[in-house]
N, C-alpha and C. Protein backbone atom coordinates (compact mmCIF):
# COMPACT_ATOMS: atom_id res chain seq x y z
N MET A 1 0.93 -1.37 -0.11
CA MET A 1 0.03 -0.08 0.06
C MET A 1 1.04 1.26 0.05
N LYS A 2 0.57 2.41 -0.71
CA LYS A 2 1.16 3.70 -1.15
C LYS A 2 1.11 3.87 0.50
N ARG A 3 2.34 4.56 0.84
CA ARG A 3 2.28 5.06 2.26
C ARG A 3 1.93 6.81 2.15
N LEU A 4 1.25 7.41 2.91
CA LEU A 4 0.67 8.46 2.88
C LEU A 4 1.70 9.78 3.57
N PRO A 5 2.56 10.56 2.72
CA PRO A 5 3.44 11.19 3.40
C PRO A 5 2.59 12.60 3.88
N ILE A 6 3.05 12.72 5.01
CA ILE A 6 2.49 13.92 6.01
C ILE A 6 3.70 15.08 6.63
N GLY A 7 3.42 16.34 6.91
CA GLY A 7 3.80 17.01 7.31
C GLY A 7 3.18 17.38 8.92
N ILE A 8 3.94 17.46 9.97
CA ILE A 8 3.02 17.95 11.10
C ILE A 8 3.89 19.06 11.45
N LEU A 9 2.99 19.97 12.02
CA LEU A 9 3.24 21.34 12.38
C LEU A 9 2.77 21.67 13.98
N GLY A 10 3.34 22.29 15.03
CA GLY A 10 3.17 22.11 16.33
C GLY A 10 4.16 23.06 16.91
N SER A 11 3.52 23.50 17.76
CA SER A 11 3.98 24.76 18.71
C SER A 11 4.41 24.32 19.99
N GLY A 12 4.41 23.31 20.48
CA GLY A 12 4.59 22.74 22.04
C GLY A 12 5.28 21.44 22.09
N LYS A 13 4.31 20.93 23.01
CA LYS A 13 5.29 19.45 23.81
C LYS A 13 5.16 18.41 22.62
N GLY A 14 4.34 18.51 22.11
CA GLY A 14 4.12 17.39 20.73
C GLY A 14 3.67 15.81 21.14
N SER A 15 2.94 15.92 22.41
CA SER A 15 2.65 14.98 22.61
C SER A 15 1.56 13.99 21.32
N ASN A 16 0.82 14.56 20.69
CA ASN A 16 -0.09 14.07 19.41
C ASN A 16 0.96 13.44 18.44
N CYS A 17 2.05 14.64 18.02
CA CYS A 17 2.68 14.33 17.26
C CYS A 17 4.04 12.79 17.48
N ARG A 18 4.32 12.65 18.88
CA ARG A 18 4.97 11.23 19.40
C ARG A 18 4.15 10.04 18.79
N VAL A 19 2.88 10.50 19.18
CA VAL A 19 2.05 9.03 19.06
C VAL A 19 1.63 8.77 17.82
N ILE A 20 2.03 9.60 16.97
CA ILE A 20 1.49 9.74 15.32
C ILE A 20 2.90 8.66 14.95
N LEU A 21 3.84 9.64 15.46
CA LEU A 21 5.28 8.98 15.00
C LEU A 21 5.37 7.62 15.34
N GLU A 22 5.10 7.29 16.81
CA GLU A 22 5.31 5.86 17.18
C GLU A 22 4.07 5.09 16.33
N ARG A 23 3.50 5.06 15.96
CA ARG A 23 2.18 4.43 14.97
C ARG A 23 2.96 4.21 13.89
N ILE A 24 3.81 5.24 13.14
CA ILE A 24 4.27 5.17 11.76
C ILE A 24 5.31 3.96 12.14
N HIS A 25 6.35 4.16 12.91
CA HIS A 25 7.20 3.59 13.36
C HIS A 25 7.02 2.18 13.40
N SER A 26 5.97 1.88 14.10
CA SER A 26 5.37 0.57 14.52
C SER A 26 4.68 -0.40 13.44
N GLY A 27 4.65 0.23 12.53
CA GLY A 27 4.09 -0.27 11.30
C GLY A 27 2.40 -0.20 11.16
N GLU A 28 1.85 0.59 12.35
CA GLU A 28 0.72 0.71 12.53
C GLU A 28 -0.42 1.37 11.67
N LEU A 29 0.40 2.62 11.22
CA LEU A 29 -0.07 3.90 10.57
C LEU A 29 0.82 3.74 9.03
N ALA A 30 -0.32 3.66 8.01
CA ALA A 30 0.53 3.75 6.77
C ALA A 30 0.99 4.93 5.96
N ALA A 31 1.78 5.47 6.71
CA ALA A 31 2.04 6.77 6.62
C ALA A 31 3.68 7.23 6.73
N GLU A 32 4.38 8.27 5.97
CA GLU A 32 5.49 8.65 5.84
C GLU A 32 5.71 9.97 6.61
N ALA A 33 6.27 10.37 7.68
CA ALA A 33 6.50 11.52 8.15
C ALA A 33 7.28 12.22 7.38
N ARG A 34 7.23 13.27 6.33
CA ARG A 34 8.43 13.71 5.59
C ARG A 34 9.09 14.99 6.37
N LEU A 35 8.15 15.81 7.34
CA LEU A 35 8.64 17.13 7.97
C LEU A 35 7.90 17.40 9.29
N VAL A 36 8.37 17.91 10.09
CA VAL A 36 7.75 18.61 11.38
C VAL A 36 8.41 19.86 11.33
N VAL A 37 7.52 20.83 11.45
CA VAL A 37 7.91 22.44 11.43
C VAL A 37 6.92 22.87 12.82
N SER A 38 8.08 23.71 13.46
CA SER A 38 7.38 24.61 14.68
C SER A 38 7.75 26.09 14.71
N ASP A 39 6.79 26.66 14.93
CA ASP A 39 7.19 28.20 15.17
C ASP A 39 7.67 28.83 16.12
N VAL A 40 8.03 27.82 17.21
CA VAL A 40 8.72 28.12 18.52
C VAL A 40 10.20 27.38 18.29
N LEU A 41 11.41 28.17 18.63
CA LEU A 41 12.66 27.50 18.33
C LEU A 41 12.79 26.23 19.52
N ASP A 42 12.39 26.47 20.59
CA ASP A 42 13.02 25.15 21.40
C ASP A 42 11.75 24.53 21.52
N ALA A 43 10.64 24.23 20.89
CA ALA A 43 9.51 23.74 21.10
C ALA A 43 9.90 22.11 21.35
N PRO A 44 9.69 21.47 21.93
CA PRO A 44 9.75 19.97 22.35
C PRO A 44 9.40 19.12 21.10
N ILE A 45 8.43 19.54 20.26
CA ILE A 45 7.87 18.65 19.42
C ILE A 45 9.29 18.57 17.93
N LEU A 46 10.09 19.47 18.23
CA LEU A 46 11.10 19.35 17.34
C LEU A 46 12.07 18.15 17.74
N ASP A 47 12.38 18.17 19.17
CA ASP A 47 13.33 16.89 19.66
C ASP A 47 12.71 15.68 19.71
N ILE A 48 11.35 15.87 19.55
CA ILE A 48 10.82 14.41 18.91
C ILE A 48 11.01 14.12 17.93
N ALA A 49 10.65 14.91 16.65
CA ALA A 49 11.26 14.69 15.44
C ALA A 49 12.67 14.01 15.09
N ARG A 50 13.53 14.86 15.76
CA ARG A 50 14.80 14.44 15.87
C ARG A 50 15.07 12.92 16.50
N GLU A 51 14.25 12.60 17.39
CA GLU A 51 14.07 11.31 18.41
C GLU A 51 13.98 10.34 17.29
N PHE A 52 13.31 10.62 16.62
CA PHE A 52 12.40 9.32 15.36
C PHE A 52 13.03 9.78 14.03
N GLY A 53 14.07 10.47 13.64
CA GLY A 53 14.90 10.72 12.75
C GLY A 53 14.22 11.31 11.58
N VAL A 54 13.15 12.36 11.94
CA VAL A 54 12.31 13.19 10.99
C VAL A 54 13.01 14.39 10.48
N ALA A 55 12.89 14.67 9.34
CA ALA A 55 13.49 16.18 9.28
C ALA A 55 12.73 17.05 9.72
N ASN A 56 13.01 18.10 10.20
CA ASN A 56 12.54 19.20 11.27
C ASN A 56 13.12 20.62 10.92
N VAL A 57 12.31 21.64 11.13
CA VAL A 57 12.68 22.88 10.94
C VAL A 57 11.94 24.05 11.90
N TYR A 58 12.87 24.76 12.27
CA TYR A 58 11.95 26.12 13.05
C TYR A 58 11.82 26.80 12.17
N LEU A 59 10.36 27.51 12.11
CA LEU A 59 10.02 28.53 11.15
C LEU A 59 9.67 30.08 11.80
N PRO A 60 10.74 30.98 11.84
CA PRO A 60 10.58 32.00 12.11
C PRO A 60 9.34 32.67 11.92
N PRO A 61 8.33 32.86 13.14
CA PRO A 61 6.66 33.14 12.49
C PRO A 61 6.49 34.81 12.17
N GLY A 62 7.58 35.65 12.44
CA GLY A 62 7.49 37.15 12.25
C GLY A 62 6.98 37.82 13.44
N ARG A 63 6.30 39.02 13.01
CA ARG A 63 5.90 39.86 13.93
C ARG A 63 4.41 39.70 14.49
N PHE A 64 3.54 38.92 13.89
CA PHE A 64 2.20 38.56 14.48
C PHE A 64 2.12 37.51 15.67
N ARG A 65 1.15 37.75 16.62
CA ARG A 65 1.35 36.63 17.39
C ARG A 65 0.15 35.34 17.45
N THR A 66 -0.59 35.60 16.25
CA THR A 66 -1.60 34.37 16.23
C THR A 66 -1.63 33.95 14.74
N ARG A 67 -0.72 34.80 13.92
CA ARG A 67 -0.38 34.00 12.60
C ARG A 67 0.92 33.91 12.42
N LEU A 68 1.08 33.65 10.69
CA LEU A 68 2.41 33.92 10.18
C LEU A 68 2.36 34.90 9.47
N GLU A 69 3.20 35.55 9.19
CA GLU A 69 3.50 37.00 8.31
C GLU A 69 3.36 36.18 6.88
N PRO A 70 2.21 36.82 6.07
CA PRO A 70 2.18 36.27 4.42
C PRO A 70 3.49 35.65 4.07
N GLU A 71 4.59 36.48 4.15
CA GLU A 71 5.75 35.86 2.99
C GLU A 71 5.91 34.15 3.83
N ILE A 72 6.20 34.43 5.16
CA ILE A 72 6.43 33.11 5.93
C ILE A 72 5.43 31.99 5.50
N GLU A 73 4.32 32.31 5.58
CA GLU A 73 3.42 31.24 5.41
C GLU A 73 3.70 30.58 3.57
N LYS A 74 3.78 31.59 3.00
CA LYS A 74 4.37 31.32 1.53
C LYS A 74 5.71 30.18 1.53
N GLN A 75 6.48 30.42 2.46
CA GLN A 75 7.77 29.69 2.80
C GLN A 75 7.24 28.29 3.31
N LEU A 76 6.61 28.43 4.11
CA LEU A 76 5.87 27.32 4.79
C LEU A 76 5.20 26.39 3.63
N VAL A 77 4.43 27.02 2.88
CA VAL A 77 4.17 26.17 1.49
C VAL A 77 4.91 25.27 0.41
N THR A 78 5.78 26.32 0.58
CA THR A 78 7.37 25.67 -0.12
C THR A 78 8.04 24.43 0.44
N MET A 79 8.31 24.81 1.74
CA MET A 79 8.78 23.50 2.34
C MET A 79 7.86 22.55 2.52
N LEU A 80 6.74 22.27 2.68
CA LEU A 80 6.02 21.53 2.28
C LEU A 80 5.78 20.38 0.94
N ARG A 81 5.40 21.61 0.10
CA ARG A 81 5.63 21.19 -1.32
C ARG A 81 7.02 20.31 -1.60
N ASP A 82 8.40 20.90 -1.33
CA ASP A 82 9.33 20.36 -1.45
C ASP A 82 9.60 18.72 -0.76
N ALA A 83 9.06 18.71 0.36
CA ALA A 83 9.29 17.80 1.01
C ALA A 83 8.22 16.47 0.42
N GLU A 84 6.97 17.07 -0.37
CA GLU A 84 6.20 16.58 -1.28
C GLU A 84 4.71 15.54 -0.40
N VAL A 85 4.69 16.58 0.71
CA VAL A 85 3.62 16.46 1.85
C VAL A 85 2.56 16.47 1.03
N GLU A 86 1.74 15.64 1.32
CA GLU A 86 0.41 15.25 0.88
C GLU A 86 -1.05 15.68 1.89
N LEU A 87 -0.73 15.38 3.23
CA LEU A 87 -1.36 15.72 4.19
C LEU A 87 -0.79 16.47 5.57
N VAL A 88 -1.33 17.52 5.63
CA VAL A 88 -0.71 18.72 6.70
C VAL A 88 -1.45 18.23 8.25
N VAL A 89 -0.90 17.79 9.32
CA VAL A 89 -1.21 17.50 10.27
C VAL A 89 -1.17 18.57 11.46
N LEU A 90 -1.93 19.20 12.09
CA LEU A 90 -1.59 20.18 12.91
C LEU A 90 -1.67 19.53 14.32
N ALA A 91 -0.86 19.41 14.93
CA ALA A 91 -0.52 18.96 16.37
C ALA A 91 -0.20 19.91 17.18
N GLY A 92 -1.36 20.89 17.75
CA GLY A 92 -0.71 22.03 18.75
C GLY A 92 -0.09 23.10 18.25
N PHE A 93 -0.61 23.29 16.88
CA PHE A 93 0.08 24.25 16.14
C PHE A 93 -0.87 25.91 16.55
N MET A 94 -0.17 26.76 17.08
CA MET A 94 -0.99 27.91 17.78
C MET A 94 -1.22 29.10 16.99
N ARG A 95 -0.98 28.87 15.76
CA ARG A 95 -1.04 30.18 14.88
C ARG A 95 -2.43 29.76 13.67
N VAL A 96 -2.79 30.64 13.55
CA VAL A 96 -4.11 30.72 12.28
C VAL A 96 -3.60 30.36 10.85
N LEU A 97 -4.13 29.34 10.10
CA LEU A 97 -3.51 29.51 8.57
C LEU A 97 -4.49 30.24 7.86
N HIS A 98 -3.66 30.93 6.81
CA HIS A 98 -4.42 31.80 6.13
C HIS A 98 -4.26 31.30 4.40
N GLU A 99 -4.73 32.08 3.66
CA GLU A 99 -5.05 31.74 2.15
C GLU A 99 -4.04 31.17 1.54
N PRO A 100 -2.17 31.38 1.88
CA PRO A 100 -1.49 30.57 0.87
C PRO A 100 -1.34 29.18 1.24
N MET A 101 -1.56 28.89 2.82
CA MET A 101 -1.73 27.37 2.90
C MET A 101 -2.71 26.57 2.98
N LEU A 102 -3.81 27.57 2.98
CA LEU A 102 -5.38 26.68 2.81
C LEU A 102 -5.73 26.69 1.15
N LYS A 103 -5.17 27.73 0.43
CA LYS A 103 -5.24 27.55 -1.00
C LYS A 103 -4.36 25.99 -1.16
N ALA A 104 -2.99 26.14 -1.04
CA ALA A 104 -1.99 25.16 -1.29
C ALA A 104 -2.79 23.94 -0.74
N PHE A 105 -3.39 23.63 0.10
CA PHE A 105 -3.57 22.23 0.70
C PHE A 105 -5.17 22.17 0.89
N SER A 106 -6.18 22.71 0.38
CA SER A 106 -7.23 22.70 0.26
C SER A 106 -7.60 21.30 0.76
N ARG A 107 -8.48 21.43 1.69
CA ARG A 107 -9.10 20.06 2.36
C ARG A 107 -7.71 18.83 2.65
N HIS A 108 -6.66 19.45 2.60
CA HIS A 108 -5.52 18.06 3.23
C HIS A 108 -4.99 18.51 4.26
N ILE A 109 -5.67 19.80 5.12
CA ILE A 109 -5.15 20.11 6.48
C ILE A 109 -5.94 19.65 7.59
N ILE A 110 -5.53 19.29 8.14
CA ILE A 110 -6.40 18.70 9.30
C ILE A 110 -6.02 18.95 10.89
N ASN A 111 -6.59 19.08 11.54
CA ASN A 111 -6.68 19.66 13.44
C ASN A 111 -7.04 18.84 13.96
N ILE A 112 -6.82 18.89 15.51
CA ILE A 112 -7.36 18.08 16.59
C ILE A 112 -7.89 19.42 17.46
N HIS A 113 -9.05 19.15 18.32
CA HIS A 113 -9.18 20.17 19.11
C HIS A 113 -10.02 19.72 20.50
N PRO A 114 -9.70 20.24 21.50
CA PRO A 114 -10.28 19.71 23.14
C PRO A 114 -11.43 19.75 22.92
N SER A 115 -12.45 19.65 22.38
CA SER A 115 -13.86 19.91 22.55
C SER A 115 -14.70 18.87 21.83
N LEU A 116 -15.52 19.31 21.83
CA LEU A 116 -16.96 18.89 21.02
C LEU A 116 -17.49 19.79 20.22
N LEU A 117 -16.55 20.09 19.22
CA LEU A 117 -17.29 21.32 18.13
C LEU A 117 -18.36 21.09 17.58
N PRO A 118 -19.32 22.03 17.06
CA PRO A 118 -18.76 23.43 17.38
C PRO A 118 -19.06 24.18 18.61
N LYS A 119 -19.25 23.21 19.68
CA LYS A 119 -18.95 24.01 21.20
C LYS A 119 -17.55 24.18 21.94
N PHE A 120 -17.21 25.12 22.13
CA PHE A 120 -16.00 25.92 22.56
C PHE A 120 -14.72 25.70 21.65
N PRO A 121 -14.95 26.29 20.71
CA PRO A 121 -13.48 26.93 19.72
C PRO A 121 -12.73 27.60 20.81
N GLY A 122 -11.23 27.51 20.08
CA GLY A 122 -10.23 28.70 20.92
C GLY A 122 -9.37 28.07 21.78
N LEU A 123 -8.80 28.68 22.67
CA LEU A 123 -7.77 28.26 23.94
C LEU A 123 -8.48 27.77 24.67
N GLU A 124 -7.82 26.50 25.77
CA GLU A 124 -8.45 26.05 26.75
C GLU A 124 -9.62 25.76 26.61
N ALA A 125 -9.92 24.94 25.68
CA ALA A 125 -11.31 24.55 25.54
C ALA A 125 -11.77 23.89 26.41
N TRP A 126 -11.07 22.92 27.49
CA TRP A 126 -11.34 22.37 28.67
C TRP A 126 -12.01 22.61 29.50
N LYS A 127 -11.43 23.94 29.74
CA LYS A 127 -11.22 24.92 30.91
C LYS A 127 -12.85 25.46 30.78
N GLN A 128 -13.05 25.99 29.26
CA GLN A 128 -14.48 26.56 28.83
C GLN A 128 -15.33 25.49 29.39
N ALA A 129 -15.19 24.19 28.80
CA ALA A 129 -16.83 23.31 29.09
C ALA A 129 -16.78 23.03 30.60
N LEU A 130 -15.71 23.16 31.51
CA LEU A 130 -16.16 22.92 32.97
C LEU A 130 -16.52 24.41 33.68
N ALA A 131 -16.13 25.36 32.97
CA ALA A 131 -16.80 26.89 33.43
C ALA A 131 -18.55 26.85 33.34
N ALA A 132 -18.67 26.30 31.68
CA ALA A 132 -19.87 26.32 31.46
C ALA A 132 -20.86 25.33 31.94
N GLY A 133 -20.42 24.43 32.95
CA GLY A 133 -21.01 23.15 33.67
C GLY A 133 -21.54 22.31 32.67
N GLU A 134 -20.81 21.78 31.77
CA GLU A 134 -21.05 20.54 30.75
C GLU A 134 -21.15 19.54 31.55
N GLY A 135 -21.74 18.37 31.19
CA GLY A 135 -21.74 16.98 31.47
C GLY A 135 -20.74 15.95 30.68
N THR A 136 -20.47 16.85 29.54
CA THR A 136 -19.45 15.82 28.56
C THR A 136 -18.80 16.72 27.82
N THR A 137 -17.84 16.26 27.48
CA THR A 137 -16.74 17.13 26.37
C THR A 137 -16.36 15.87 25.34
N GLY A 138 -14.88 16.62 25.21
CA GLY A 138 -14.38 15.72 24.22
C GLY A 138 -13.71 16.30 23.27
N CYS A 139 -13.14 15.56 22.08
CA CYS A 139 -12.22 15.99 21.24
C CYS A 139 -12.79 15.64 19.85
N THR A 140 -12.07 16.83 18.92
CA THR A 140 -12.55 16.89 17.57
C THR A 140 -11.53 16.79 16.41
N VAL A 141 -11.55 16.07 15.37
CA VAL A 141 -10.53 16.09 14.25
C VAL A 141 -11.69 16.63 13.29
N HIS A 142 -10.83 17.78 12.44
CA HIS A 142 -11.65 18.28 11.68
C HIS A 142 -10.69 19.20 10.54
N TYR A 143 -11.20 19.18 9.43
CA TYR A 143 -10.56 19.63 8.44
C TYR A 143 -10.32 21.52 8.59
N VAL A 144 -9.43 21.74 8.33
CA VAL A 144 -9.12 23.45 8.59
C VAL A 144 -9.42 24.06 7.43
N ASP A 145 -10.36 25.29 8.15
CA ASP A 145 -10.98 26.16 6.91
C ASP A 145 -10.33 27.63 7.50
N GLU A 146 -10.82 28.60 6.89
CA GLU A 146 -10.41 30.20 7.34
C GLU A 146 -10.59 30.45 8.57
N LYS A 147 -11.73 29.85 9.45
CA LYS A 147 -12.30 30.27 10.67
C LYS A 147 -11.64 29.60 11.70
N ILE A 148 -11.38 29.82 12.94
CA ILE A 148 -10.93 29.07 13.87
C ILE A 148 -11.99 28.06 14.37
N ASP A 149 -10.89 26.68 14.37
CA ASP A 149 -11.55 25.63 15.00
C ASP A 149 -13.35 25.31 14.05
N HIS A 150 -13.27 25.46 13.33
CA HIS A 150 -13.85 25.15 12.42
C HIS A 150 -14.01 24.24 11.39
N GLY A 151 -14.59 24.36 10.26
CA GLY A 151 -14.24 23.17 8.94
C GLY A 151 -14.93 21.43 9.26
N GLN A 152 -15.06 20.98 8.25
CA GLN A 152 -16.03 19.82 8.50
C GLN A 152 -15.49 18.62 9.42
N ILE A 153 -16.39 18.24 10.02
CA ILE A 153 -15.78 17.36 11.28
C ILE A 153 -15.90 16.03 10.71
N LEU A 154 -14.59 15.24 11.26
CA LEU A 154 -14.15 14.01 10.68
C LEU A 154 -14.40 13.16 11.58
N ALA A 155 -14.12 13.35 12.80
CA ALA A 155 -14.57 12.23 13.87
C ALA A 155 -14.41 13.23 15.34
N GLN A 156 -15.57 12.46 16.48
CA GLN A 156 -14.97 13.10 17.72
C GLN A 156 -15.00 11.85 18.47
N ARG A 157 -14.84 12.02 19.75
CA ARG A 157 -14.93 11.17 20.82
C ARG A 157 -15.10 11.82 22.05
N GLU A 158 -16.15 11.20 22.87
CA GLU A 158 -16.74 12.20 24.10
C GLU A 158 -15.90 11.62 25.53
N VAL A 159 -15.89 12.37 26.67
CA VAL A 159 -15.55 12.39 27.81
C VAL A 159 -16.63 12.63 28.68
N THR A 160 -16.69 11.97 29.90
CA THR A 160 -17.64 12.73 31.05
C THR A 160 -16.82 13.44 31.75
N ILE A 161 -17.61 14.62 31.93
CA ILE A 161 -17.17 15.39 33.08
C ILE A 161 -17.56 14.81 34.51
N LEU A 162 -16.49 14.53 35.17
CA LEU A 162 -16.60 14.18 36.26
C LEU A 162 -16.83 15.26 37.48
N PRO A 163 -17.89 14.67 38.65
CA PRO A 163 -18.11 16.33 39.60
C PRO A 163 -16.92 16.69 40.23
N ASN A 164 -15.72 16.02 40.61
CA ASN A 164 -14.57 16.26 41.18
C ASN A 164 -13.42 16.64 40.16
N ASP A 165 -13.76 17.09 38.68
CA ASP A 165 -12.60 17.26 37.55
C ASP A 165 -12.20 18.61 37.96
N THR A 166 -10.86 18.58 37.79
CA THR A 166 -10.04 19.63 37.47
C THR A 166 -9.76 20.08 36.53
N SER A 167 -9.53 21.31 35.87
CA SER A 167 -9.06 21.28 34.56
C SER A 167 -7.96 20.31 34.06
N GLU A 168 -6.90 20.31 35.16
CA GLU A 168 -5.94 19.51 34.76
C GLU A 168 -6.31 17.80 34.94
N SER A 169 -7.23 17.43 35.17
CA SER A 169 -7.71 15.90 35.22
C SER A 169 -8.26 15.56 34.22
N LEU A 170 -9.15 16.62 33.75
CA LEU A 170 -10.09 16.84 32.68
C LEU A 170 -9.29 16.87 31.37
N HIS A 171 -8.19 17.92 31.33
CA HIS A 171 -7.43 18.11 30.06
C HIS A 171 -6.88 16.71 29.81
N ALA A 172 -6.15 16.12 30.96
CA ALA A 172 -5.50 14.61 30.97
C ALA A 172 -6.71 13.58 30.37
N ARG A 173 -7.39 13.49 30.61
CA ARG A 173 -8.43 12.60 29.77
C ARG A 173 -8.55 13.04 28.49
N ILE A 174 -9.03 14.36 28.00
CA ILE A 174 -9.27 14.52 26.99
C ILE A 174 -8.02 14.17 25.90
N GLN A 175 -6.80 14.14 26.43
CA GLN A 175 -5.32 14.23 25.56
C GLN A 175 -5.34 12.41 25.48
N ALA A 176 -5.61 11.62 26.62
CA ALA A 176 -5.77 10.24 26.07
C ALA A 176 -6.67 9.73 24.94
N LEU A 177 -7.81 10.53 25.03
CA LEU A 177 -8.82 10.30 23.76
C LEU A 177 -8.11 10.74 22.39
N GLU A 178 -7.64 11.95 22.61
CA GLU A 178 -6.76 12.64 21.28
C GLU A 178 -5.82 11.50 20.73
N HIS A 179 -5.05 10.79 21.47
CA HIS A 179 -3.92 9.95 21.29
C HIS A 179 -4.56 8.94 20.53
N GLU A 180 -5.75 8.32 20.96
CA GLU A 180 -6.32 7.07 20.43
C GLU A 180 -7.23 7.60 18.72
N LEU A 181 -8.03 9.12 18.94
CA LEU A 181 -8.77 9.55 17.84
C LEU A 181 -7.45 10.11 16.77
N TYR A 182 -6.47 10.65 17.23
CA TYR A 182 -5.86 11.23 15.54
C TYR A 182 -5.35 10.31 15.21
N PRO A 183 -4.62 9.47 15.36
CA PRO A 183 -4.14 8.37 14.69
C PRO A 183 -5.00 7.28 14.04
N ALA A 184 -6.15 7.07 14.45
CA ALA A 184 -7.49 6.78 13.86
C ALA A 184 -8.11 7.37 12.73
N VAL A 185 -8.17 8.59 12.76
CA VAL A 185 -8.68 9.47 11.57
C VAL A 185 -7.36 9.57 10.14
N ILE A 186 -5.98 9.32 11.22
CA ILE A 186 -5.28 9.69 10.07
C ILE A 186 -4.92 8.11 9.22
N ALA A 187 -5.24 7.02 10.05
CA ALA A 187 -5.44 5.69 9.68
C ALA A 187 -6.12 5.65 8.48
N ALA A 188 -7.64 6.37 8.45
CA ALA A 188 -8.56 6.00 7.63
C ALA A 188 -8.05 6.79 6.20
N LEU A 189 -7.26 8.32 6.39
CA LEU A 189 -6.62 9.03 5.25
C LEU A 189 -6.01 8.27 4.49
N CYS A 190 -5.44 7.21 5.14
CA CYS A 190 -3.75 6.76 4.56
C CYS A 190 -4.67 5.68 3.89
N GLN A 191 -5.82 5.12 3.93
CA GLN A 191 -6.26 4.11 3.47
C GLN A 191 -7.32 4.60 2.16
N LYS A 192 -7.81 5.75 2.25
CA LYS A 192 -8.20 6.85 1.19
C LYS A 192 -6.86 6.62 0.13
N TYR A 193 -5.83 7.40 0.68
CA TYR A 193 -4.79 7.50 -0.02
C TYR A 193 -4.31 6.17 -0.71
N GLY A 194 -4.41 5.12 -0.27
CA GLY A 194 -3.86 4.07 -1.02
C GLY A 194 -4.71 3.80 -2.06
N GLN A 195 -5.95 4.01 -1.99
CA GLN A 195 -6.91 3.94 -2.93
C GLN A 195 -6.71 5.06 -3.97
N GLU A 196 -5.95 5.53 -3.77
CA GLU A 196 -5.77 6.93 -4.80
C GLU A 196 -7.12 8.28 -4.66
N ASN A 197 -7.74 8.34 -3.63
CA ASN A 197 -9.02 9.44 -3.49
C ASN A 197 -9.09 9.93 -2.40
N LEU A 198 -7.61 10.66 -2.05
CA LEU A 198 -7.44 11.33 -0.86
C LEU A 198 -8.45 12.43 -1.06
């Protein structure tokens, strides 16, 4: 079966990146990680990429706090295209993507978000769910579009919010779910790619 070439973008610890690379390494995922990119120079996700022998690069984001400068986003497109990436996987990438990436990789960028979208987009969604007194929350994998934490939903997993949950305990359970759901969605996309209809 053809292996799906993926690029992973992240800004932080890279726990989802680690799980994905472990599944590729074990043969459970028919993917090939071509490149890991971070907008944070010392992000642990870059160390994880090195640990697995995956090409990795720090991309200086420019002067904006929540997005890449347009010229830098064009550089990102070039990097991913040069690496022949077919699917872009956002793993804790804390910048909103815009026209250069969305046009170049239309319906080929996925993200995982720690809530049952469309509820609680944005930062620290598990804290938003707790504050709202929700009984359940979870995580969502979706295609990325021009809006924040929006786009077609590919899959969701639910978690019950317990009476004694703190933001830390709830976040930990959501992350455990993320580590199951994200590889499962990527595996389904690998299968589609193998049949040449990604």
